[in-house]
C-alpha atoms as a PDB file:
ATOM      1  CA  MET A   1      19.477  20.124 -37.080  1.00  0.00           C
ATOM      2  CA  ASP A   2      15.773  21.077 -35.924  1.00  0.00           C
ATOM      3  CA  ILE A   3      14.803  20.984 -32.425  1.00  0.00           C
ATOM      4  CA  LYS A   4      12.706  17.676 -33.133  1.00  0.00           C
ATOM      5  CA  ASN A   5      15.783  16.133 -34.506  1.00  0.00           C
ATOM      6  CA  ALA A   6      17.760  17.308 -31.463  1.00  0.00           C
ATOM      7  CA  GLN A   7      15.290  15.968 -29.394  1.00  0.00           C
ATOM      8  CA  ILE A   8      15.538  12.390 -30.895  1.00  0.00           C
ATOM      9  CA  ALA A   9      19.332  12.669 -30.987  1.00  0.00           C
ATOM     10  CA  VAL A  10      19.249  13.502 -26.993  1.00  0.00           C
ATOM     11  CA  ASP A  11      16.897  10.722 -26.423  1.00  0.00           C
ATOM     12  CA  ASP A  12      19.303   8.005 -28.819  1.00  0.00           C
ATOM     13  CA  TRP A  13      22.283   9.232 -26.950  1.00  0.00           C
ATOM     14  CA  ILE A  14      20.544   8.818 -23.306  1.00  0.00           C
ATOM     15  CA  LYS A  15      19.522   5.111 -24.792  1.00  0.00           C
ATOM     16  CA  ALA A  16      22.966   4.578 -25.837  1.00  0.00           C
ATOM     17  CA  HIS A  17      25.198   6.064 -23.440  1.00  0.00           C
ATOM     18  CA  GLY A  18      23.113   6.715 -20.269  1.00  0.00           C
ATOM     19  CA  VAL A  19      21.444   4.342 -18.039  1.00  0.00           C
ATOM     20  CA  ARG A  20      18.297   6.471 -18.065  1.00  0.00           C
ATOM     21  CA  TYR A  21      17.476   9.816 -17.707  1.00  0.00           C
ATOM     22  CA  PHE A  22      17.985  11.880 -14.170  1.00  0.00           C
ATOM     23  CA  ASN A  23      14.714  12.469 -12.938  1.00  0.00           C
ATOM     24  CA  GLU A  24      12.999  15.900 -13.710  1.00  0.00           C
ATOM     25  CA  LEU A  25      14.023  17.651 -10.340  1.00  0.00           C
ATOM     26  CA  THR A  26      17.667  16.454 -10.936  1.00  0.00           C
ATOM     27  CA  ASN A  27      17.687  17.957 -14.380  1.00  0.00           C
ATOM     28  CA  MET A  28      15.827  21.040 -13.078  1.00  0.00           C
ATOM     29  CA  ALA A  29      19.038  21.136 -10.631  1.00  0.00           C
ATOM     30  CA  GLN A  30      21.385  20.624 -13.463  1.00  0.00           C
ATOM     31  CA  LEU A  31      19.754  23.306 -15.736  1.00  0.00           C
ATOM     32  CA  THR A  32      20.201  25.841 -13.190  1.00  0.00           C
ATOM     33  CA  GLU A  33      23.963  24.878 -12.472  1.00  0.00           C
ATOM     34  CA  GLU A  34      24.598  25.016 -16.651  1.00  0.00           C
ATOM     35  CA  VAL A  35      22.519  28.437 -16.573  1.00  0.00           C
ATOM     36  CA  GLY A  36      25.003  29.634 -13.900  1.00  0.00           C
ATOM     37  CA  GLU A  37      28.124  28.718 -15.818  1.00  0.00           C
ATOM     38  CA  VAL A  38      26.578  30.706 -18.780  1.00  0.00           C
ATOM     39  CA  ALA A  39      25.857  33.681 -16.339  1.00  0.00           C
ATOM     40  CA  ARG A  40      29.306  33.356 -14.819  1.00  0.00           C
ATOM     41  CA  ILE A  41      31.080  33.599 -18.693  1.00  0.00           C
ATOM     42  CA  ILE A  42      28.661  36.484 -19.807  1.00  0.00           C
ATOM     43  CA  ALA A  43      29.266  38.459 -16.198  1.00  0.00           C
ATOM     44  CA  ARG A  44      33.031  38.581 -16.559  1.00  0.00           C
ATOM     45  CA  ARG A  45      33.734  38.393 -20.106  1.00  0.00           C
ATOM     46  CA  TYR A  46      30.715  41.127 -21.139  1.00  0.00           C
ATOM     47  CA  GLY A  47      30.073  42.635 -17.939  1.00  0.00           C
ATOM     48  CA  GLU A  48      31.686  44.283 -15.491  1.00  0.00           C
ATOM     49  CA  GLN A  49      33.216  41.810 -13.406  1.00  0.00           C
ATOM     50  CA  SER A  50      36.680  40.726 -13.890  1.00  0.00           C
ATOM     51  CA  GLU A  51      37.553  37.357 -15.401  1.00  0.00           C
ATOM     52  CA  LYS A  52      39.627  35.018 -13.642  1.00  0.00           C
ATOM     53  CA  GLU A  53      42.225  33.411 -15.435  1.00  0.00           C
ATOM     54  CA  SER A  54      40.791  29.919 -14.954  1.00  0.00           C
ATOM     55  CA  ASP A  55      37.732  31.175 -16.715  1.00  0.00           C
ATOM     56  CA  LYS A  56      39.635  32.811 -19.717  1.00  0.00           C
ATOM     57  CA  GLY A  57      39.661  29.430 -21.458  1.00  0.00           C
ATOM     58  CA  LYS A  58      35.840  28.618 -21.057  1.00  0.00           C
ATOM     59  CA  ASP A  59      33.624  28.019 -23.935  1.00  0.00           C
ATOM     60  CA  LEU A  60      30.598  29.886 -24.133  1.00  0.00           C
ATOM     61  CA  GLY A  61      29.186  27.913 -26.894  1.00  0.00           C
ATOM     62  CA  GLU A  62      29.840  24.764 -25.139  1.00  0.00           C
ATOM     63  CA  GLU A  63      28.181  26.045 -21.679  1.00  0.00           C
ATOM     64  CA  LEU A  64      25.275  27.200 -24.017  1.00  0.00           C
ATOM     65  CA  ALA A  65      25.024  23.758 -25.454  1.00  0.00           C
ATOM     66  CA  ASP A  66      25.313  22.258 -22.086  1.00  0.00           C
ATOM     67  CA  VAL A  67      21.735  24.490 -21.350  1.00  0.00           C
ATOM     68  CA  VAL A  68      20.546  23.317 -24.535  1.00  0.00           C
ATOM     69  CA  PHE A  69      20.947  19.354 -23.792  1.00  0.00           C
ATOM     70  CA  VAL A  70      19.384  19.669 -20.434  1.00  0.00           C
ATOM     71  CA  VAL A  71      16.419  21.445 -21.644  1.00  0.00           C
ATOM     72  CA  LEU A  72      16.000  18.671 -24.374  1.00  0.00           C
ATOM     73  CA  CYS A  73      16.160  16.166 -21.644  1.00  0.00           C
ATOM     74  CA  LEU A  74      13.683  17.679 -19.792  1.00  0.00           C
ATOM     75  CA  ALA A  75      11.254  17.948 -22.901  1.00  0.00           C
ATOM     76  CA  ASN A  76      11.653  14.274 -23.619  1.00  0.00           C
ATOM     77  CA  GLN A  77      10.867  13.218 -19.987  1.00  0.00           C
ATOM     78  CA  THR A  78       7.821  15.340 -19.534  1.00  0.00           C
ATOM     79  CA  GLY A  79       6.435  14.520 -23.181  1.00  0.00           C
ATOM     80  CA  VAL A  80       7.060  17.978 -24.704  1.00  0.00           C
ATOM     81  CA  ASP A  81       7.268  18.424 -28.236  1.00  0.00           C
ATOM     82  CA  LEU A  82       9.550  21.358 -28.098  1.00  0.00           C
ATOM     83  CA  GLN A  83       9.406  22.156 -32.014  1.00  0.00           C
ATOM     84  CA  ALA A  84       5.792  22.611 -31.812  1.00  0.00           C
ATOM     85  CA  SER A  85       6.249  24.621 -28.675  1.00  0.00           C
ATOM     86  CA  PHE A  86       8.929  26.818 -30.155  1.00  0.00           C
ATOM     87  CA  ASP A  87       7.126  27.214 -33.480  1.00  0.00           C
ATOM     88  CA  LYS A  88       3.769  28.393 -31.463  1.00  0.00           C
ATOM     89  CA  LYS A  89       5.873  30.789 -29.309  1.00  0.00           C
ATOM     90  CA  MET A  90       7.622  32.188 -32.464  1.00  0.00           C
ATOM     91  CA  GLU A  91       4.136  32.776 -33.991  1.00  0.00           C
ATOM     92  CA  LEU A  92       2.656  34.501 -30.808  1.00  0.00           C
ATOM     93  CA  LYS A  93       5.765  36.745 -30.490  1.00  0.00           C
ATOM     94  CA  THR A  94       5.421  37.824 -33.984  1.00  0.00           C
ATOM     95  CA  LYS A  95       2.036  38.656 -33.983  1.00  0.00           C
ATOM     96  CA  ARG A  96       2.097  40.024 -30.185  1.00  0.00           C
ATOM     97  CA  ASP A  97       5.480  41.908 -30.541  1.00  0.00           C
ATOM     98  CA  HIS A  98       5.819  42.643 -34.296  1.00  0.00           C
ATOM     99  CA  ASP A  99       6.113  46.825 -33.346  1.00  0.00           C
ATOM    100  CA  ARG A 100       6.394  46.723 -29.911  1.00  0.00           C
ATOM    101  CA  HIS A 101      10.045  47.447 -29.594  1.00  0.00           C
ATOM    102  CA  HIS A 102      10.176  49.949 -32.764  1.00  0.00           C
ATOM    103  CA  GLY A 103       9.246  53.102 -30.749  1.00  0.00           C
ATOM    104  CA  ASN A 104      11.342  52.238 -27.932  1.00  0.00           C
ATOM    105  CA  GLU A 105      13.882  55.124 -27.110  1.00  0.00           C
ATOM    106  CA  LYS A 106      16.110  52.864 -25.120  1.00  0.00           C
ATOM    107  CA  LEU A 107      16.821  50.855 -28.046  1.00  0.00           C
ATOM    108  CA  LYS A 108      18.049  53.857 -30.284  1.00  0.00           C
END
């Protein structure tokens, strides 16, 4: 599914199952919470922190999907065409960063 259709799917889900979108500030707080859950898994599973038994069953993919869902909600409620914005960003990064990292000794 492309981003445009993902935005439509989220909007359809909100209309069918939600009462309405949470306001933008609430969704921003939710996004922060979801990113925190992703950070917790990454820090413990791939970083140097010990992973608690209660965290070992957490699904990183599911938590990342929560982040994407809230981002799509924010895009919908603020009128952002995220597909167009993403495509534009990829074009910019491709032009700007084409050779940027090839000479970076830290990445060898």
